[in-house]
C-alpha atoms as a PDB file:
ATOM      1  CA  UNK A   1      -0.103  -0.042  -0.127  1.00  0.00           C
ATOM      2  CA  UNK A   2       1.122   3.667  -0.994  1.00  0.00           C
ATOM      3  CA  UNK A   3       1.506   5.848   2.234  1.00  0.00           C
ATOM      4  CA  UNK A   4       1.998   8.631   0.354  1.00  0.00           C
ATOM      5  CA  UNK A   5      -1.420   8.196  -1.650  1.00  0.00           C
ATOM      6  CA  UNK A   6      -3.330   7.232   1.353  1.00  0.00           C
ATOM      7  CA  UNK A   7      -2.835  10.164   3.109  1.00  0.00           C
ATOM      8  CA  UNK A   8      -3.279  12.219   0.033  1.00  0.00           C
ATOM      9  CA  UNK A   9      -7.321  10.634  -0.277  1.00  0.00           C
ATOM     10  CA  UNK A  10      -7.713  10.892   3.571  1.00  0.00           C
ATOM     11  CA  UNK A  11      -6.524  14.763   2.983  1.00  0.00           C
ATOM     12  CA  UNK A  12      -3.731  14.022   5.568  1.00  0.00           C
ATOM     13  CA  UNK A  13      -0.288  14.840   6.068  1.00  0.00           C
ATOM     14  CA  UNK A  14       2.695  12.951   7.069  1.00  0.00           C
ATOM     15  CA  UNK A  15       2.851  15.726  10.008  1.00  0.00           C
ATOM     16  CA  UNK A  16      -0.608  14.965  11.644  1.00  0.00           C
ATOM     17  CA  UNK A  17      -0.222  10.990  12.354  1.00  0.00           C
ATOM     18  CA  UNK A  18       0.439  10.093  15.664  1.00  0.00           C
ATOM     19  CA  UNK A  19       4.410   8.798  16.032  1.00  0.00           C
ATOM     20  CA  UNK A  20       4.321   4.655  17.052  1.00  0.00           C
ATOM     21  CA  UNK A  21       1.274   3.979  15.574  1.00  0.00           C
ATOM     22  CA  UNK A  22       2.109   2.145  12.344  1.00  0.00           C
ATOM     23  CA  UNK A  23      -0.379   1.554   9.651  1.00  0.00           C
ATOM     24  CA  UNK A  24      -1.833  -1.455   9.642  1.00  0.00           C
ATOM     25  CA  UNK A  25      -4.407  -3.630   8.237  1.00  0.00           C
ATOM     26  CA  UNK A  26      -6.460  -5.457  10.775  1.00  0.00           C
ATOM     27  CA  UNK A  27      -9.581  -7.784   9.976  1.00  0.00           C
ATOM     28  CA  UNK A  28     -12.200  -9.368  11.939  1.00  0.00           C
ATOM     29  CA  UNK A  29     -13.533 -10.469   8.491  1.00  0.00           C
ATOM     30  CA  UNK A  30     -13.495  -7.304   7.214  1.00  0.00           C
ATOM     31  CA  UNK A  31     -10.392  -5.563   6.961  1.00  0.00           C
ATOM     32  CA  UNK A  32      -9.843  -1.620   7.816  1.00  0.00           C
ATOM     33  CA  UNK A  33      -6.663   0.076   7.719  1.00  0.00           C
ATOM     34  CA  UNK A  34      -6.144   1.837  10.863  1.00  0.00           C
ATOM     35  CA  UNK A  35      -4.690   5.402  10.358  1.00  0.00           C
ATOM     36  CA  UNK A  36      -3.788   7.629  13.644  1.00  0.00           C
ATOM     37  CA  UNK A  37      -4.063  10.788  14.323  1.00  0.00           C
ATOM     38  CA  UNK A  38      -2.554  13.840  16.430  1.00  0.00           C
ATOM     39  CA  UNK A  39      -5.288  15.685  16.976  1.00  0.00           C
ATOM     40  CA  UNK A  40      -9.962  15.589  17.171  1.00  0.00           C
ATOM     41  CA  UNK A  41      -9.934  18.992  15.192  1.00  0.00           C
ATOM     42  CA  UNK A  42      -8.184  17.685  11.984  1.00  0.00           C
ATOM     43  CA  UNK A  43     -10.702  14.360  12.283  1.00  0.00           C
ATOM     44  CA  UNK A  44     -13.537  16.075  12.179  1.00  0.00           C
ATOM     45  CA  UNK A  45     -11.638  17.880   9.293  1.00  0.00           C
ATOM     46  CA  UNK A  46     -11.878  15.608   7.186  1.00  0.00           C
ATOM     47  CA  UNK A  47     -12.945  15.131   3.401  1.00  0.00           C
ATOM     48  CA  UNK A  48     -11.894  12.661   1.911  1.00  0.00           C
ATOM     49  CA  UNK A  49     -11.868  11.966  -1.675  1.00  0.00           C
ATOM     50  CA  UNK A  50     -14.158   8.890  -2.291  1.00  0.00           C
ATOM     51  CA  UNK A  51     -12.827   8.122  -5.308  1.00  0.00           C
ATOM     52  CA  UNK A  52      -9.261   7.564  -4.077  1.00  0.00           C
ATOM     53  CA  UNK A  53     -10.092   5.588  -0.988  1.00  0.00           C
ATOM     54  CA  UNK A  54     -12.455   3.441  -3.881  1.00  0.00           C
ATOM     55  CA  UNK A  55      -9.399   2.853  -6.252  1.00  0.00           C
ATOM     56  CA  UNK A  56      -6.913   2.434  -3.273  1.00  0.00           C
ATOM     57  CA  UNK A  57      -9.390  -0.334  -1.521  1.00  0.00           C
ATOM     58  CA  UNK A  58      -9.164  -2.219  -5.198  1.00  0.00           C
ATOM     59  CA  UNK A  59      -5.619  -2.280  -5.307  1.00  0.00           C
ATOM     60  CA  UNK A  60      -5.505  -3.310  -1.658  1.00  0.00           C
ATOM     61  CA  UNK A  61      -8.333  -5.357  -1.219  1.00  0.00           C
ATOM     62  CA  UNK A  62      -8.997  -3.524   1.403  1.00  0.00           C
ATOM     63  CA  UNK A  63     -12.865  -2.666   2.003  1.00  0.00           C
ATOM     64  CA  UNK A  64     -12.400   0.395   5.113  1.00  0.00           C
ATOM     65  CA  UNK A  65     -10.307   2.892   6.857  1.00  0.00           C
ATOM     66  CA  UNK A  66     -10.712   4.329   9.804  1.00  0.00           C
ATOM     67  CA  UNK A  67      -8.611   6.823  10.956  1.00  0.00           C
ATOM     68  CA  UNK A  68      -8.384   7.758  14.873  1.00  0.00           C
ATOM     69  CA  UNK A  69      -7.104  10.047  17.716  1.00  0.00           C
ATOM     70  CA  UNK A  70      -6.298   8.739  21.096  1.00  0.00           C
ATOM     71  CA  UNK A  71      -6.801  10.563  24.482  1.00  0.00           C
ATOM     72  CA  UNK A  72      -4.926   8.182  27.276  1.00  0.00           C
ATOM     73  CA  UNK A  73      -6.380  11.553  29.908  1.00  0.00           C
ATOM     74  CA  UNK A  74      -9.869  10.950  28.796  1.00  0.00           C
ATOM     75  CA  UNK A  75     -12.862   9.000  29.664  1.00  0.00           C
ATOM     76  CA  UNK A  76     -13.031   8.462  25.602  1.00  0.00           C
ATOM     77  CA  UNK A  77     -10.164   6.706  24.590  1.00  0.00           C
ATOM     78  CA  UNK A  78     -10.470   6.730  21.262  1.00  0.00           C
ATOM     79  CA  UNK A  79     -12.005   9.633  18.752  1.00  0.00           C
ATOM     80  CA  UNK A  80     -12.689   7.940  15.462  1.00  0.00           C
ATOM     81  CA  UNK A  81     -14.382   7.961  11.524  1.00  0.00           C
ATOM     82  CA  UNK A  82     -14.518   5.064  10.003  1.00  0.00           C
ATOM     83  CA  UNK A  83     -14.956   5.496   5.846  1.00  0.00           C
ATOM     84  CA  UNK A  84     -15.671   2.298   3.135  1.00  0.00           C
ATOM     85  CA  UNK A  85     -17.262   3.888  -0.110  1.00  0.00           C
ATOM     86  CA  UNK A  86     -15.735   0.292  -1.744  1.00  0.00           C
ATOM     87  CA  UNK A  87     -18.600  -1.006  -0.477  1.00  0.00           C
ATOM     88  CA  UNK A  88     -21.288   1.587  -0.586  1.00  0.00           C
ATOM     89  CA  UNK A  89     -20.829   3.297   3.137  1.00  0.00           C
ATOM     90  CA  UNK A  90     -18.937   7.098   2.747  1.00  0.00           C
ATOM     91  CA  UNK A  91     -18.705   7.095   6.178  1.00  0.00           C
ATOM     92  CA  UNK A  92     -20.215   4.691   9.354  1.00  0.00           C
ATOM     93  CA  UNK A  93     -20.858   6.555  11.913  1.00  0.00           C
ATOM     94  CA  UNK A  94     -20.560   3.851  14.855  1.00  0.00           C
ATOM     95  CA  UNK A  95     -17.918   1.005  13.688  1.00  0.00           C
ATOM     96  CA  UNK A  96     -17.380  -2.659  16.153  1.00  0.00           C
ATOM     97  CA  UNK A  97     -15.408  -4.129  13.547  1.00  0.00           C
ATOM     98  CA  UNK A  98     -12.827  -1.314  13.531  1.00  0.00           C
ATOM     99  CA  UNK A  99     -13.076  -0.525  17.294  1.00  0.00           C
ATOM    100  CA  UNK A 100     -12.974  -3.806  18.483  1.00  0.00           C
ATOM    101  CA  UNK A 101      -9.797  -4.945  16.217  1.00  0.00           C
ATOM    102  CA  UNK A 102      -8.436  -1.164  17.238  1.00  0.00           C
ATOM    103  CA  UNK A 103      -8.091  -2.708  20.917  1.00  0.00           C
ATOM    104  CA  UNK A 104      -5.986  -5.384  19.811  1.00  0.00           C
ATOM    105  CA  UNK A 105      -3.779  -3.336  17.766  1.00  0.00           C
ATOM    106  CA  UNK A 106      -2.965  -0.782  20.558  1.00  0.00           C
ATOM    107  CA  UNK A 107      -2.042  -3.811  23.231  1.00  0.00           C
ATOM    108  CA  UNK A 108      -0.266  -5.553  19.564  1.00  0.00           C
ATOM    109  CA  UNK A 109       2.052  -2.283  19.567  1.00  0.00           C
ATOM    110  CA  UNK A 110       1.303  -1.406  23.475  1.00  0.00           C
ATOM    111  CA  UNK A 111       0.172   1.859  23.134  1.00  0.00           C
ATOM    112  CA  UNK A 112      -1.992   2.374  25.867  1.00  0.00           C
ATOM    113  CA  UNK A 113      -1.473   1.434  29.943  1.00  0.00           C
ATOM    114  CA  UNK A 114      -3.292  -1.873  31.031  1.00  0.00           C
ATOM    115  CA  UNK A 115      -3.208  -3.757  33.858  1.00  0.00           C
ATOM    116  CA  UNK A 116      -2.029  -6.760  32.218  1.00  0.00           C
ATOM    117  CA  UNK A 117      -5.456  -8.873  31.980  1.00  0.00           C
ATOM    118  CA  UNK A 118      -7.455  -6.583  30.741  1.00  0.00           C
ATOM    119  CA  UNK A 119      -8.311  -3.184  28.721  1.00  0.00           C
ATOM    120  CA  UNK A 120     -11.956  -1.427  28.693  1.00  0.00           C
ATOM    121  CA  UNK A 121     -12.210   1.302  26.801  1.00  0.00           C
ATOM    122  CA  UNK A 122     -14.322   3.251  24.925  1.00  0.00           C
ATOM    123  CA  UNK A 123     -14.876   4.875  21.577  1.00  0.00           C
ATOM    124  CA  UNK A 124     -16.948   7.423  20.279  1.00  0.00           C
ATOM    125  CA  UNK A 125     -17.534   8.037  16.255  1.00  0.00           C
ATOM    126  CA  UNK A 126     -20.542   9.796  14.160  1.00  0.00           C
ATOM    127  CA  UNK A 127     -19.761  13.054  15.761  1.00  0.00           C
ATOM    128  CA  UNK A 128     -18.149  14.651  12.246  1.00  0.00           C
ATOM    129  CA  UNK A 129     -21.728  14.098  10.478  1.00  0.00           C
ATOM    130  CA  UNK A 130     -24.028  14.357  13.255  1.00  0.00           C
ATOM    131  CA  UNK A 131     -24.711  10.667  14.616  1.00  0.00           C
ATOM    132  CA  UNK A 132     -22.345  10.517  17.748  1.00  0.00           C
ATOM    133  CA  UNK A 133     -22.563   6.870  19.248  1.00  0.00           C
ATOM    134  CA  UNK A 134     -20.051   5.317  21.864  1.00  0.00           C
ATOM    135  CA  UNK A 135     -18.670   1.824  22.097  1.00  0.00           C
ATOM    136  CA  UNK A 136     -16.595   0.069  25.268  1.00  0.00           C
ATOM    137  CA  UNK A 137     -14.053  -2.731  24.095  1.00  0.00           C
ATOM    138  CA  UNK A 138     -13.097  -5.005  26.423  1.00  0.00           C
ATOM    139  CA  UNK A 139      -9.319  -6.690  25.219  1.00  0.00           C
ATOM    140  CA  UNK A 140      -8.635  -9.731  27.037  1.00  0.00           C
ATOM    141  CA  UNK A 141      -5.006 -10.251  27.907  1.00  0.00           C
ATOM    142  CA  UNK A 142      -2.272 -12.773  28.274  1.00  0.00           C
ATOM    143  CA  UNK A 143       1.408 -12.681  28.457  1.00  0.00           C
ATOM    144  CA  UNK A 144       0.824  -9.313  26.884  1.00  0.00           C
ATOM    145  CA  UNK A 145      -1.014 -10.285  23.707  1.00  0.00           C
ATOM    146  CA  UNK A 146      -3.850  -9.615  22.788  1.00  0.00           C
ATOM    147  CA  UNK A 147      -6.461 -12.952  23.080  1.00  0.00           C
ATOM    148  CA  UNK A 148      -9.810 -12.116  22.822  1.00  0.00           C
ATOM    149  CA  UNK A 149     -11.803  -8.952  21.917  1.00  0.00           C
ATOM    150  CA  UNK A 150     -16.265  -7.895  22.774  1.00  0.00           C
ATOM    151  CA  UNK A 151     -17.248  -4.557  22.372  1.00  0.00           C
ATOM    152  CA  UNK A 152     -21.157  -3.221  23.665  1.00  0.00           C
ATOM    153  CA  UNK A 153     -23.219  -0.825  23.449  1.00  0.00           C
ATOM    154  CA  UNK A 154     -26.800   0.920  22.915  1.00  0.00           C
ATOM    155  CA  UNK A 155     -28.041   1.462  19.808  1.00  0.00           C
ATOM    156  CA  UNK A 156     -31.680   3.123  19.316  1.00  0.00           C
ATOM    157  CA  UNK A 157     -34.290   2.637  16.194  1.00  0.00           C
ATOM    158  CA  UNK A 158     -33.659   5.642  13.599  1.00  0.00           C
ATOM    159  CA  UNK A 159     -36.724   5.157  12.033  1.00  0.00           C
ATOM    160  CA  UNK A 160     -39.470   1.846  11.665  1.00  0.00           C
ATOM    161  CA  UNK A 161     -41.354   0.682   7.913  1.00  0.00           C
ATOM    162  CA  UNK A 162     -42.955  -2.190   7.171  1.00  0.00           C
ATOM    163  CA  UNK A 163     -43.412  -3.167   3.364  1.00  0.00           C
ATOM    164  CA  UNK A 164     -46.296  -5.422   1.867  1.00  0.00           C
ATOM    165  CA  UNK A 165     -45.650  -6.704  -1.037  1.00  0.00           C
END
C-alpha cells in the first residue's frame, strides 16, 4: 500500500500522523486500515476523496479506513471516523468491526497502559456527521498479547417501516 496515496485520499499530511502508531490493515472478516492522527480537530475536519479511496480499496483489497485519535487522559480514549466507500458507505457513524480490532492493535503495539489482563476503553464515533455513538471495547490480555476482544454499546431505532408486497 502506498502511504502517500492513502494520506492524499484522506487529506492527511504525514506530520498529522501519531508517532509510533503504524498504519496497518486489521481484520475481523472485513478488513480496515487503521490510521492514527494527533488532533481531534483534524479528525473532524477530514474531507476524504471517496473516489481515490475506492481505487485504493481495489488495489489493496481492503474495504475500510478507520482514522482515529487517542487521548489516554479522557473518559473517551478513542475518537474515530470510518470510511468505506468501496462498499457503499461513505462514513459509518459507529463501527464495531473497526474499534474491536483497534483494541487488539493498541495492545499488540504496546500503545496504551493496561493491567496485563484486560484493557477496557470507550470509543466515540459519528460526531462529525451528527450521528454520535459510543462503543465499549474490552480486550483480554495474556502474556502481553491480545487474546479476545468484545465490544458493546447501546442502540436506538432511527426509523421503523413496514413493507407489504
